[in-house]
Amino acid sequence: MTRYLISFDDGAMTFSEEELPEVAEASHAVVHKAQEAGVWVFGGGLQRQQASVVATDGTVSDGPYPETKAVLGGFSILDVPSREDALEWAAKIAAACRCAQEVREIMPDPAV
């Protein structure tokens, strides 16, 4: 099987604060379905905070880079047989989270 990163932009969730419990419940339901299907690897939402960027020389600066337009708001990693399966799960996540999801294949580790 192949692992896929399904993620969304931090600014994509534009529903009201009052709707958060309903969205959270729907999102957790999709996670439970993915766990029951045996395809869930890991995932979660990210705290809204200033990111830190660590350069190759170890220097730490505030991030993201000024030219960055999108900041990761949350992600899921699924292990599924095909891209089509990943897209089907992304559609379920998008409906639950009420925002579009980006789907990207994770390169396999040749050492594993």
PDB file of N, CA and C in Angstrom:
ATOM      1  N   MET A   1       0.837  -1.175   0.000  1.00  0.00           N
ATOM      2  CA  MET A   1       0.000   0.000   0.000  1.00  0.00           C
ATOM      3  C   MET A   1       0.890   1.249   0.000  1.00  0.00           C
ATOM      4  N   THR A   2       0.284   2.366  -0.247  1.00  0.00           N
ATOM      5  CA  THR A   2       0.996   3.638  -0.366  1.00  0.00           C
ATOM      6  C   THR A   2       0.440   4.632   0.638  1.00  0.00           C
ATOM      7  N   ARG A   3       1.340   5.396   1.207  1.00  0.00           N
ATOM      8  CA  ARG A   3       0.909   6.417   2.165  1.00  0.00           C
ATOM      9  C   ARG A   3       0.678   7.742   1.461  1.00  0.00           C
ATOM     10  N   TYR A   4      -0.382   8.426   1.911  1.00  0.00           N
ATOM     11  CA  TYR A   4      -0.752   9.724   1.361  1.00  0.00           C
ATOM     12  C   TYR A   4      -0.922  10.727   2.486  1.00  0.00           C
ATOM     13  N   LEU A   5      -0.477  11.953   2.208  1.00  0.00           N
ATOM     14  CA  LEU A   5      -0.689  13.077   3.103  1.00  0.00           C
ATOM     15  C   LEU A   5      -1.917  13.820   2.594  1.00  0.00           C
ATOM     16  N   ILE A   6      -2.913  13.938   3.435  1.00  0.00           N
ATOM     17  CA  ILE A   6      -4.117  14.699   3.125  1.00  0.00           C
ATOM     18  C   ILE A   6      -4.110  15.874   4.088  1.00  0.00           C
ATOM     19  N   SER A   7      -4.091  17.096   3.541  1.00  0.00           N
ATOM     20  CA  SER A   7      -3.911  18.261   4.408  1.00  0.00           C
ATOM     21  C   SER A   7      -4.782  19.423   3.951  1.00  0.00           C
ATOM     22  N   PHE A   8      -4.880  20.424   4.833  1.00  0.00           N
ATOM     23  CA  PHE A   8      -5.643  21.616   4.489  1.00  0.00           C
ATOM     24  C   PHE A   8      -4.940  22.864   4.996  1.00  0.00           C
ATOM     25  N   ASP A   9      -5.237  23.963   4.336  1.00  0.00           N
ATOM     26  CA  ASP A   9      -4.683  25.267   4.665  1.00  0.00           C
ATOM     27  C   ASP A   9      -5.306  25.790   5.962  1.00  0.00           C
ATOM     28  N   ASP A  10      -4.519  26.437   6.773  1.00  0.00           N
ATOM     29  CA  ASP A  10      -4.974  26.982   8.055  1.00  0.00           C
ATOM     30  C   ASP A  10      -6.157  27.924   7.909  1.00  0.00           C
ATOM     31  N   GLY A  11      -6.213  28.684   6.840  1.00  0.00           N
ATOM     32  CA  GLY A  11      -7.289  29.643   6.654  1.00  0.00           C
ATOM     33  C   GLY A  11      -8.512  29.077   5.954  1.00  0.00           C
ATOM     34  N   ALA A  12      -8.498  27.783   5.634  1.00  0.00           N
ATOM     35  CA  ALA A  12      -9.584  27.181   4.849  1.00  0.00           C
ATOM     36  C   ALA A  12     -10.848  26.912   5.667  1.00  0.00           C
ATOM     37  N   MET A  13     -10.714  26.729   6.946  1.00  0.00           N
ATOM     38  CA  MET A  13     -11.873  26.427   7.787  1.00  0.00           C
ATOM     39  C   MET A  13     -12.519  27.754   8.191  1.00  0.00           C
ATOM     40  N   THR A  14     -13.576  28.112   7.480  1.00  0.00           N
ATOM     41  CA  THR A  14     -14.174  29.436   7.663  1.00  0.00           C
ATOM     42  C   THR A  14     -15.544  29.394   8.335  1.00  0.00           C
ATOM     43  N   PHE A  15     -15.883  28.298   8.962  1.00  0.00           N
ATOM     44  CA  PHE A  15     -17.166  28.201   9.656  1.00  0.00           C
ATOM     45  C   PHE A  15     -17.096  28.973  10.976  1.00  0.00           C
ATOM     46  N   SER A  16     -18.251  29.190  11.562  1.00  0.00           N
ATOM     47  CA  SER A  16     -18.315  29.972  12.804  1.00  0.00           C
ATOM     48  C   SER A  16     -17.841  29.145  14.009  1.00  0.00           C
ATOM     49  N   GLU A  17     -17.497  29.838  15.063  1.00  0.00           N
ATOM     50  CA  GLU A  17     -17.055  29.203  16.308  1.00  0.00           C
ATOM     51  C   GLU A  17     -18.135  28.273  16.865  1.00  0.00           C
ATOM     52  N   GLU A  18     -19.387  28.660  16.693  1.00  0.00           N
ATOM     53  CA  GLU A  18     -20.508  27.843  17.184  1.00  0.00           C
ATOM     54  C   GLU A  18     -20.595  26.499  16.464  1.00  0.00           C
ATOM     55  N   GLU A  19     -20.098  26.434  15.237  1.00  0.00           N
ATOM     56  CA  GLU A  19     -20.155  25.202  14.450  1.00  0.00           C
ATOM     57  C   GLU A  19     -19.010  24.243  14.764  1.00  0.00           C
ATOM     58  N   LEU A  20     -18.008  24.704  15.507  1.00  0.00           N
ATOM     59  CA  LEU A  20     -16.822  23.887  15.779  1.00  0.00           C
ATOM     60  C   LEU A  20     -17.143  22.525  16.391  1.00  0.00           C
ATOM     61  N   PRO A  21     -18.008  22.415  17.404  1.00  0.00           N
ATOM     62  CA  PRO A  21     -18.290  21.092  17.966  1.00  0.00           C
ATOM     63  C   PRO A  21     -18.852  20.105  16.926  1.00  0.00           C
ATOM     64  N   GLU A  22     -19.729  20.596  16.061  1.00  0.00           N
ATOM     65  CA  GLU A  22     -20.310  19.741  15.023  1.00  0.00           C
ATOM     66  C   GLU A  22     -19.241  19.298  14.016  1.00  0.00           C
ATOM     67  N   VAL A  23     -18.364  20.219  13.629  1.00  0.00           N
ATOM     68  CA  VAL A  23     -17.283  19.893  12.695  1.00  0.00           C
ATOM     69  C   VAL A  23     -16.314  18.902  13.352  1.00  0.00           C
ATOM     70  N   ALA A  24     -15.974  19.124  14.604  1.00  0.00           N
ATOM     71  CA  ALA A  24     -15.068  18.222  15.310  1.00  0.00           C
ATOM     72  C   ALA A  24     -15.657  16.816  15.398  1.00  0.00           C
ATOM     73  N   GLU A  25     -16.942  16.721  15.706  1.00  0.00           N
ATOM     74  CA  GLU A  25     -17.599  15.420  15.787  1.00  0.00           C
ATOM     75  C   GLU A  25     -17.565  14.711  14.438  1.00  0.00           C
ATOM     76  N   ALA A  26     -17.876  15.430  13.370  1.00  0.00           N
ATOM     77  CA  ALA A  26     -17.866  14.838  12.027  1.00  0.00           C
ATOM     78  C   ALA A  26     -16.455  14.408  11.635  1.00  0.00           C
ATOM     79  N   SER A  27     -15.463  15.220  11.969  1.00  0.00           N
ATOM     80  CA  SER A  27     -14.070  14.890  11.649  1.00  0.00           C
ATOM     81  C   SER A  27     -13.612  13.646  12.399  1.00  0.00           C
ATOM     82  N   HIS A  28     -13.948  13.573  13.693  1.00  0.00           N
ATOM     83  CA  HIS A  28     -13.572  12.392  14.474  1.00  0.00           C
ATOM     84  C   HIS A  28     -14.267  11.139  13.961  1.00  0.00           C
ATOM     85  N   ALA A  29     -15.474  11.277  13.454  1.00  0.00           N
ATOM     86  CA  ALA A  29     -16.187  10.126  12.888  1.00  0.00           C
ATOM     87  C   ALA A  29     -15.449   9.574  11.675  1.00  0.00           C
ATOM     88  N   VAL A  30     -14.919  10.467  10.823  1.00  0.00           N
ATOM     89  CA  VAL A  30     -14.157  10.014   9.659  1.00  0.00           C
ATOM     90  C   VAL A  30     -12.866   9.329  10.111  1.00  0.00           C
ATOM     91  N   VAL A  31     -12.207   9.887  11.112  1.00  0.00           N
ATOM     92  CA  VAL A  31     -10.985   9.264  11.636  1.00  0.00           C
ATOM     93  C   VAL A  31     -11.294   7.860  12.146  1.00  0.00           C
ATOM     94  N   HIS A  32     -12.379   7.702  12.878  1.00  0.00           N
ATOM     95  CA  HIS A  32     -12.744   6.378  13.406  1.00  0.00           C
ATOM     96  C   HIS A  32     -13.032   5.395  12.270  1.00  0.00           C
ATOM     97  N   LYS A  33     -13.687   5.861  11.206  1.00  0.00           N
ATOM     98  CA  LYS A  33     -13.944   4.995  10.049  1.00  0.00           C
ATOM     99  C   LYS A  33     -12.631   4.573   9.393  1.00  0.00           C
ATOM    100  N   ALA A  34     -11.686   5.507   9.281  1.00  0.00           N
ATOM    101  CA  ALA A  34     -10.384   5.188   8.694  1.00  0.00           C
ATOM    102  C   ALA A  34      -9.619   4.207   9.579  1.00  0.00           C
ATOM    103  N   GLN A  35      -9.736   4.366  10.894  1.00  0.00           N
ATOM    104  CA  GLN A  35      -9.091   3.419  11.814  1.00  0.00           C
ATOM    105  C   GLN A  35      -9.710   2.037  11.672  1.00  0.00           C
ATOM    106  N   GLU A  36     -11.037   1.983  11.622  1.00  0.00           N
ATOM    107  CA  GLU A  36     -11.728   0.705  11.465  1.00  0.00           C
ATOM    108  C   GLU A  36     -11.384   0.035  10.140  1.00  0.00           C
ATOM    109  N   ALA A  37     -11.145   0.838   9.110  1.00  0.00           N
ATOM    110  CA  ALA A  37     -10.783   0.303   7.793  1.00  0.00           C
ATOM    111  C   ALA A  37      -9.314  -0.103   7.733  1.00  0.00           C
ATOM    112  N   GLY A  38      -8.545   0.244   8.764  1.00  0.00           N
ATOM    113  CA  GLY A  38      -7.135  -0.126   8.815  1.00  0.00           C
ATOM    114  C   GLY A  38      -6.234   0.731   7.942  1.00  0.00           C
ATOM    115  N   VAL A  39      -6.687   1.942   7.558  1.00  0.00           N
ATOM    116  CA  VAL A  39      -5.882   2.797   6.688  1.00  0.00           C
ATOM    117  C   VAL A  39      -5.304   4.014   7.410  1.00  0.00           C
ATOM    118  N   TRP A  40      -5.757   4.276   8.624  1.00  0.00           N
ATOM    119  CA  TRP A  40      -5.293   5.438   9.385  1.00  0.00           C
ATOM    120  C   TRP A  40      -3.883   5.201   9.893  1.00  0.00           C
ATOM    121  N   VAL A  41      -2.976   6.164   9.669  1.00  0.00           N
ATOM    122  CA  VAL A  41      -1.615   6.097  10.194  1.00  0.00           C
ATOM    123  C   VAL A  41      -1.453   7.118  11.309  1.00  0.00           C
ATOM    124  N   PHE A  42      -1.742   8.384  10.989  1.00  0.00           N
ATOM    125  CA  PHE A  42      -1.565   9.445  11.970  1.00  0.00           C
ATOM    126  C   PHE A  42      -2.168  10.724  11.415  1.00  0.00           C
ATOM    127  N   GLY A  43      -2.496  11.659  12.291  1.00  0.00           N
ATOM    128  CA  GLY A  43      -2.973  12.949  11.830  1.00  0.00           C
ATOM    129  C   GLY A  43      -3.366  13.834  12.982  1.00  0.00           C
ATOM    130  N   GLY A  44      -3.711  15.067  12.645  1.00  0.00           N
ATOM    131  CA  GLY A  44      -4.177  16.003  13.659  1.00  0.00           C
ATOM    132  C   GLY A  44      -4.189  17.419  13.141  1.00  0.00           C
ATOM    133  N   GLY A  45      -4.831  18.269  13.905  1.00  0.00           N
ATOM    134  CA  GLY A  45      -4.842  19.694  13.610  1.00  0.00           C
ATOM    135  C   GLY A  45      -3.622  20.338  14.229  1.00  0.00           C
ATOM    136  N   LEU A  46      -3.213  21.443  13.670  1.00  0.00           N
ATOM    137  CA  LEU A  46      -2.056  22.160  14.192  1.00  0.00           C
ATOM    138  C   LEU A  46      -2.505  23.434  14.877  1.00  0.00           C
ATOM    139  N   GLN A  47      -1.873  23.744  15.995  1.00  0.00           N
ATOM    140  CA  GLN A  47      -2.163  24.970  16.724  1.00  0.00           C
ATOM    141  C   GLN A  47      -1.850  26.167  15.847  1.00  0.00           C
ATOM    142  N   ARG A  48      -2.710  27.180  15.937  1.00  0.00           N
ATOM    143  CA  ARG A  48      -2.404  28.420  15.228  1.00  0.00           C
ATOM    144  C   ARG A  48      -1.332  29.130  16.030  1.00  0.00           C
ATOM    145  N   GLN A  49      -0.170  29.184  15.449  1.00  0.00           N
ATOM    146  CA  GLN A  49       0.952  29.798  16.132  1.00  0.00           C
ATOM    147  C   GLN A  49       2.005  30.176  15.108  1.00  0.00           C
ATOM    148  N   GLN A  50       2.895  31.018  15.500  1.00  0.00           N
ATOM    149  CA  GLN A  50       3.996  31.365  14.617  1.00  0.00           C
ATOM    150  C   GLN A  50       4.927  30.169  14.526  1.00  0.00           C
ATOM    151  N   ALA A  51       5.224  29.737  13.315  1.00  0.00           N
ATOM    152  CA  ALA A  51       6.128  28.611  13.115  1.00  0.00           C
ATOM    153  C   ALA A  51       7.565  29.071  13.295  1.00  0.00           C
ATOM    154  N   SER A  52       8.441  28.143  13.553  1.00  0.00           N
ATOM    155  CA  SER A  52       9.875  28.413  13.588  1.00  0.00           C
ATOM    156  C   SER A  52      10.519  27.702  12.411  1.00  0.00           C
ATOM    157  N   VAL A  53      11.447  28.374  11.766  1.00  0.00           N
ATOM    158  CA  VAL A  53      12.174  27.795  10.644  1.00  0.00           C
ATOM    159  C   VAL A  53      13.611  27.593  11.104  1.00  0.00           C
ATOM    160  N   VAL A  54      14.102  26.357  10.966  1.00  0.00           N
ATOM    161  CA  VAL A  54      15.469  26.038  11.345  1.00  0.00           C
ATOM    162  C   VAL A  54      16.280  25.854  10.064  1.00  0.00           C
ATOM    163  N   ALA A  55      17.292  26.706   9.875  1.00  0.00           N
ATOM    164  CA  ALA A  55      18.133  26.666   8.673  1.00  0.00           C
ATOM    165  C   ALA A  55      19.138  25.524   8.768  1.00  0.00           C
ATOM    166  N   THR A  56      19.797  25.258   7.660  1.00  0.00           N
ATOM    167  CA  THR A  56      20.781  24.164   7.621  1.00  0.00           C
ATOM    168  C   THR A  56      21.936  24.381   8.577  1.00  0.00           C
ATOM    169  N   ASP A  57      22.198  25.639   8.949  1.00  0.00           N
ATOM    170  CA  ASP A  57      23.275  25.910   9.904  1.00  0.00           C
ATOM    171  C   ASP A  57      22.789  25.921  11.351  1.00  0.00           C
ATOM    172  N   GLY A  58      21.493  25.591  11.550  1.00  0.00           N
ATOM    173  CA  GLY A  58      20.929  25.549  12.888  1.00  0.00           C
ATOM    174  C   GLY A  58      20.310  26.855  13.352  1.00  0.00           C
ATOM    175  N   THR A  59      20.426  27.913  12.569  1.00  0.00           N
ATOM    176  CA  THR A  59      19.837  29.200  12.913  1.00  0.00           C
ATOM    177  C   THR A  59      18.317  29.080  12.926  1.00  0.00           C
ATOM    178  N   VAL A  60      17.695  29.621  13.950  1.00  0.00           N
ATOM    179  CA  VAL A  60      16.241  29.579  14.079  1.00  0.00           C
ATOM    180  C   VAL A  60      15.673  30.968  13.828  1.00  0.00           C
ATOM    181  N   SER A  61      14.652  31.021  12.992  1.00  0.00           N
ATOM    182  CA  SER A  61      13.974  32.291  12.732  1.00  0.00           C
ATOM    183  C   SER A  61      12.471  32.057  12.731  1.00  0.00           C
ATOM    184  N   ASP A  62      11.727  33.156  12.849  1.00  0.00           N
ATOM    185  CA  ASP A  62      10.278  33.058  12.775  1.00  0.00           C
ATOM    186  C   ASP A  62       9.877  32.700  11.356  1.00  0.00           C
ATOM    187  N   GLY A  63       8.856  31.910  11.219  1.00  0.00           N
ATOM    188  CA  GLY A  63       8.371  31.518   9.903  1.00  0.00           C
ATOM    189  C   GLY A  63       6.877  31.666   9.883  1.00  0.00           C
ATOM    190  N   PRO A  64       6.211  31.278   8.868  1.00  0.00           N
ATOM    191  CA  PRO A  64       6.837  30.803   7.648  1.00  0.00           C
ATOM    192  C   PRO A  64       7.460  31.944   6.873  1.00  0.00           C
ATOM    193  N   TYR A  65       8.092  31.606   5.782  1.00  0.00           N
ATOM    194  CA  TYR A  65       8.706  32.633   4.953  1.00  0.00           C
ATOM    195  C   TYR A  65       7.651  33.626   4.486  1.00  0.00           C
ATOM    196  N   PRO A  66       8.008  34.901   4.343  1.00  0.00           N
ATOM    197  CA  PRO A  66       7.023  35.928   3.953  1.00  0.00           C
ATOM    198  C   PRO A  66       6.287  35.609   2.656  1.00  0.00           C
ATOM    199  N   GLU A  67       6.942  34.928   1.724  1.00  0.00           N
ATOM    200  CA  GLU A  67       6.306  34.621   0.451  1.00  0.00           C
ATOM    201  C   GLU A  67       5.315  33.456   0.540  1.00  0.00           C
ATOM    202  N   THR A  68       5.253  32.793   1.693  1.00  0.00           N
ATOM    203  CA  THR A  68       4.323  31.682   1.873  1.00  0.00           C
ATOM    204  C   THR A  68       2.906  32.211   1.976  1.00  0.00           C
ATOM    205  N   LYS A  69       2.028  31.666   1.142  1.00  0.00           N
ATOM    206  CA  LYS A  69       0.632  32.097   1.159  1.00  0.00           C
ATOM    207  C   LYS A  69      -0.229  31.152   1.979  1.00  0.00           C
ATOM    208  N   ALA A  70       0.129  29.883   2.004  1.00  0.00           N
ATOM    209  CA  ALA A  70      -0.658  28.882   2.716  1.00  0.00           C
ATOM    210  C   ALA A  70       0.169  28.301   3.859  1.00  0.00           C
ATOM    211  N   VAL A  71      -0.486  28.112   4.988  1.00  0.00           N
ATOM    212  CA  VAL A  71       0.157  27.519   6.148  1.00  0.00           C
ATOM    213  C   VAL A  71      -0.653  26.282   6.522  1.00  0.00           C
ATOM    214  N   LEU A  72       0.015  25.190   6.783  1.00  0.00           N
ATOM    215  CA  LEU A  72      -0.648  23.934   7.102  1.00  0.00           C
ATOM    216  C   LEU A  72      -1.492  24.074   8.365  1.00  0.00           C
ATOM    217  N   GLY A  73      -2.765  23.699   8.265  1.00  0.00           N
ATOM    218  CA  GLY A  73      -3.674  23.788   9.402  1.00  0.00           C
ATOM    219  C   GLY A  73      -3.947  22.451  10.051  1.00  0.00           C
ATOM    220  N   GLY A  74      -3.803  21.378   9.292  1.00  0.00           N
ATOM    221  CA  GLY A  74      -4.022  20.037   9.812  1.00  0.00           C
ATOM    222  C   GLY A  74      -3.738  19.021   8.730  1.00  0.00           C
ATOM    223  N   PHE A  75      -3.610  17.755   9.146  1.00  0.00           N
ATOM    224  CA  PHE A  75      -3.237  16.728   8.182  1.00  0.00           C
ATOM    225  C   PHE A  75      -3.680  15.345   8.656  1.00  0.00           C
ATOM    226  N   SER A  76      -3.749  14.451   7.698  1.00  0.00           N
ATOM    227  CA  SER A  76      -3.980  13.023   7.960  1.00  0.00           C
ATOM    228  C   SER A  76      -3.000  12.258   7.088  1.00  0.00           C
ATOM    229  N   ILE A  77      -2.482  11.171   7.613  1.00  0.00           N
ATOM    230  CA  ILE A  77      -1.665  10.270   6.810  1.00  0.00           C
ATOM    231  C   ILE A  77      -2.401   8.944   6.763  1.00  0.00           C
ATOM    232  N   LEU A  78      -2.705   8.514   5.539  1.00  0.00           N
ATOM    233  CA  LEU A  78      -3.424   7.264   5.327  1.00  0.00           C
ATOM    234  C   LEU A  78      -2.582   6.326   4.489  1.00  0.00           C
ATOM    235  N   ASP A  79      -2.713   5.042   4.722  1.00  0.00           N
ATOM    236  CA  ASP A  79      -2.017   4.006   3.966  1.00  0.00           C
ATOM    237  C   ASP A  79      -3.077   3.237   3.195  1.00  0.00           C
ATOM    238  N   VAL A  80      -3.190   3.521   1.902  1.00  0.00           N
ATOM    239  CA  VAL A  80      -4.268   2.968   1.082  1.00  0.00           C
ATOM    240  C   VAL A  80      -3.700   2.334  -0.188  1.00  0.00           C
ATOM    241  N   PRO A  81      -4.492   1.473  -0.845  1.00  0.00           N
ATOM    242  CA  PRO A  81      -3.999   0.776  -2.037  1.00  0.00           C
ATOM    243  C   PRO A  81      -3.755   1.663  -3.258  1.00  0.00           C
ATOM    244  N   SER A  82      -4.473   2.776  -3.382  1.00  0.00           N
ATOM    245  CA  SER A  82      -4.346   3.568  -4.609  1.00  0.00           C
ATOM    246  C   SER A  82      -4.625   5.050  -4.345  1.00  0.00           C
ATOM    247  N   ARG A  83      -4.253   5.868  -5.319  1.00  0.00           N
ATOM    248  CA  ARG A  83      -4.542   7.295  -5.252  1.00  0.00           C
ATOM    249  C   ARG A  83      -6.048   7.528  -5.232  1.00  0.00           C
ATOM    250  N   GLU A  84      -6.777   6.717  -5.968  1.00  0.00           N
ATOM    251  CA  GLU A  84      -8.234   6.843  -5.989  1.00  0.00           C
ATOM    252  C   GLU A  84      -8.805   6.658  -4.589  1.00  0.00           C
ATOM    253  N   ASP A  85      -8.267   5.678  -3.849  1.00  0.00           N
ATOM    254  CA  ASP A  85      -8.712   5.470  -2.466  1.00  0.00           C
ATOM    255  C   ASP A  85      -8.388   6.688  -1.607  1.00  0.00           C
ATOM    256  N   ALA A  86      -7.191   7.257  -1.805  1.00  0.00           N
ATOM    257  CA  ALA A  86      -6.798   8.456  -1.048  1.00  0.00           C
ATOM    258  C   ALA A  86      -7.751   9.610  -1.360  1.00  0.00           C
ATOM    259  N   LEU A  87      -8.129   9.749  -2.624  1.00  0.00           N
ATOM    260  CA  LEU A  87      -9.050  10.820  -3.008  1.00  0.00           C
ATOM    261  C   LEU A  87     -10.433  10.611  -2.400  1.00  0.00           C
ATOM    262  N   GLU A  88     -10.869   9.363  -2.297  1.00  0.00           N
ATOM    263  CA  GLU A  88     -12.163   9.073  -1.664  1.00  0.00           C
ATOM    264  C   GLU A  88     -12.137   9.449  -0.184  1.00  0.00           C
ATOM    265  N   TRP A  89     -11.044   9.115   0.501  1.00  0.00           N
ATOM    266  CA  TRP A  89     -10.922   9.484   1.918  1.00  0.00           C
ATOM    267  C   TRP A  89     -10.819  10.996   2.064  1.00  0.00           C
ATOM    268  N   ALA A  90     -10.102  11.642   1.151  1.00  0.00           N
ATOM    269  CA  ALA A  90      -9.978  13.108   1.203  1.00  0.00           C
ATOM    270  C   ALA A  90     -11.348  13.763   1.044  1.00  0.00           C
ATOM    271  N   ALA A  91     -12.196  13.199   0.218  1.00  0.00           N
ATOM    272  CA  ALA A  91     -13.549  13.737   0.039  1.00  0.00           C
ATOM    273  C   ALA A  91     -14.348  13.619   1.331  1.00  0.00           C
ATOM    274  N   LYS A  92     -14.187  12.513   2.044  1.00  0.00           N
ATOM    275  CA  LYS A  92     -14.877  12.333   3.328  1.00  0.00           C
ATOM    276  C   LYS A  92     -14.367  13.343   4.359  1.00  0.00           C
ATOM    277  N   ILE A  93     -13.056  13.535   4.369  1.00  0.00           N
ATOM    278  CA  ILE A  93     -12.455  14.491   5.303  1.00  0.00           C
ATOM    279  C   ILE A  93     -12.897  15.910   4.952  1.00  0.00           C
ATOM    280  N   ALA A  94     -12.907  16.235   3.669  1.00  0.00           N
ATOM    281  CA  ALA A  94     -13.321  17.572   3.228  1.00  0.00           C
ATOM    282  C   ALA A  94     -14.753  17.869   3.645  1.00  0.00           C
ATOM    283  N   ALA A  95     -15.634  16.895   3.482  1.00  0.00           N
ATOM    284  CA  ALA A  95     -17.034  17.096   3.879  1.00  0.00           C
ATOM    285  C   ALA A  95     -17.138  17.310   5.383  1.00  0.00           C
ATOM    286  N   ALA A  96     -16.402  16.519   6.155  1.00  0.00           N
ATOM    287  CA  ALA A  96     -16.458  16.631   7.617  1.00  0.00           C
ATOM    288  C   ALA A  96     -15.854  17.947   8.103  1.00  0.00           C
ATOM    289  N   CYS A  97     -14.728  18.335   7.543  1.00  0.00           N
ATOM    290  CA  CYS A  97     -14.017  19.550   7.968  1.00  0.00           C
ATOM    291  C   CYS A  97     -14.558  20.814   7.314  1.00  0.00           C
ATOM    292  N   ARG A  98     -15.392  20.623   6.310  1.00  0.00           N
ATOM    293  CA  ARG A  98     -15.974  21.756   5.569  1.00  0.00           C
ATOM    294  C   ARG A  98     -14.921  22.612   4.886  1.00  0.00           C
ATOM    295  N   CYS A  99     -13.874  21.944   4.395  1.00  0.00           N
ATOM    296  CA  CYS A  99     -12.863  22.667   3.618  1.00  0.00           C
ATOM    297  C   CYS A  99     -12.133  21.699   2.689  1.00  0.00           C
ATOM    298  N   ALA A 100     -11.615  22.250   1.607  1.00  0.00           N
ATOM    299  CA  ALA A 100     -10.894  21.454   0.614  1.00  0.00           C
ATOM    300  C   ALA A 100      -9.647  20.817   1.223  1.00  0.00           C
ATOM    301  N   GLN A 101      -9.280  19.672   0.680  1.00  0.00           N
ATOM    302  CA  GLN A 101      -8.116  18.939   1.148  1.00  0.00           C
ATOM    303  C   GLN A 101      -7.129  18.739  -0.004  1.00  0.00           C
ATOM    304  N   GLU A 102      -5.859  18.833   0.286  1.00  0.00           N
ATOM    305  CA  GLU A 102      -4.809  18.564  -0.690  1.00  0.00           C
ATOM    306  C   GLU A 102      -4.330  17.134  -0.471  1.00  0.00           C
ATOM    307  N   VAL A 103      -4.130  16.389  -1.547  1.00  0.00           N
ATOM    308  CA  VAL A 103      -3.692  14.995  -1.463  1.00  0.00           C
ATOM    309  C   VAL A 103      -2.337  14.864  -2.140  1.00  0.00           C
ATOM    310  N   ARG A 104      -1.367  14.335  -1.400  1.00  0.00           N
ATOM    311  CA  ARG A 104      -0.018  14.138  -1.944  1.00  0.00           C
ATOM    312  C   ARG A 104       0.511  12.777  -1.520  1.00  0.00           C
ATOM    313  N   GLU A 105       1.115  12.085  -2.464  1.00  0.00           N
ATOM    314  CA  GLU A 105       1.702  10.775  -2.179  1.00  0.00           C
ATOM    315  C   GLU A 105       3.022  10.973  -1.440  1.00  0.00           C
ATOM    316  N   ILE A 106       3.238  10.172  -0.417  1.00  0.00           N
ATOM    317  CA  ILE A 106       4.494  10.207   0.344  1.00  0.00           C
ATOM    318  C   ILE A 106       5.449   9.225  -0.320  1.00  0.00           C
ATOM    319  N   MET A 107       6.643   9.688  -0.601  1.00  0.00           N
ATOM    320  CA  MET A 107       7.629   8.825  -1.262  1.00  0.00           C
ATOM    321  C   MET A 107       7.988   7.660  -0.350  1.00  0.00           C
ATOM    322  N   PRO A 108       8.097   6.465  -0.917  1.00  0.00           N
ATOM    323  CA  PRO A 108       8.461   5.310  -0.102  1.00  0.00           C
ATOM    324  C   PRO A 108       9.915   5.401   0.373  1.00  0.00           C
ATOM    325  N   ASP A 109      10.171   4.839   1.528  1.00  0.00           N
ATOM    326  CA  ASP A 109      11.523   4.790   2.074  1.00  0.00           C
ATOM    327  C   ASP A 109      12.191   3.545   1.535  1.00  0.00           C
ATOM    328  N   PRO A 110      13.254   3.682   0.709  1.00  0.00           N
ATOM    329  CA  PRO A 110      13.899   2.505   0.119  1.00  0.00           C
ATOM    330  C   PRO A 110      14.570   1.603   1.153  1.00  0.00           C
ATOM    331  N   ALA A 111      14.811   2.136   2.352  1.00  0.00           N
ATOM    332  CA  ALA A 111      15.468   1.336   3.401  1.00  0.00           C
ATOM    333  C   ALA A 111      14.482   0.437   4.144  1.00  0.00           C
ATOM    334  N   VAL A 112      13.203   0.628   3.898  1.00  0.00           N
ATOM    335  CA  VAL A 112      12.202  -0.162   4.625  1.00  0.00           C
ATOM    336  C   VAL A 112      11.682  -1.270   3.746  1.00  0.00           C
TER     337      VAL A 112
END
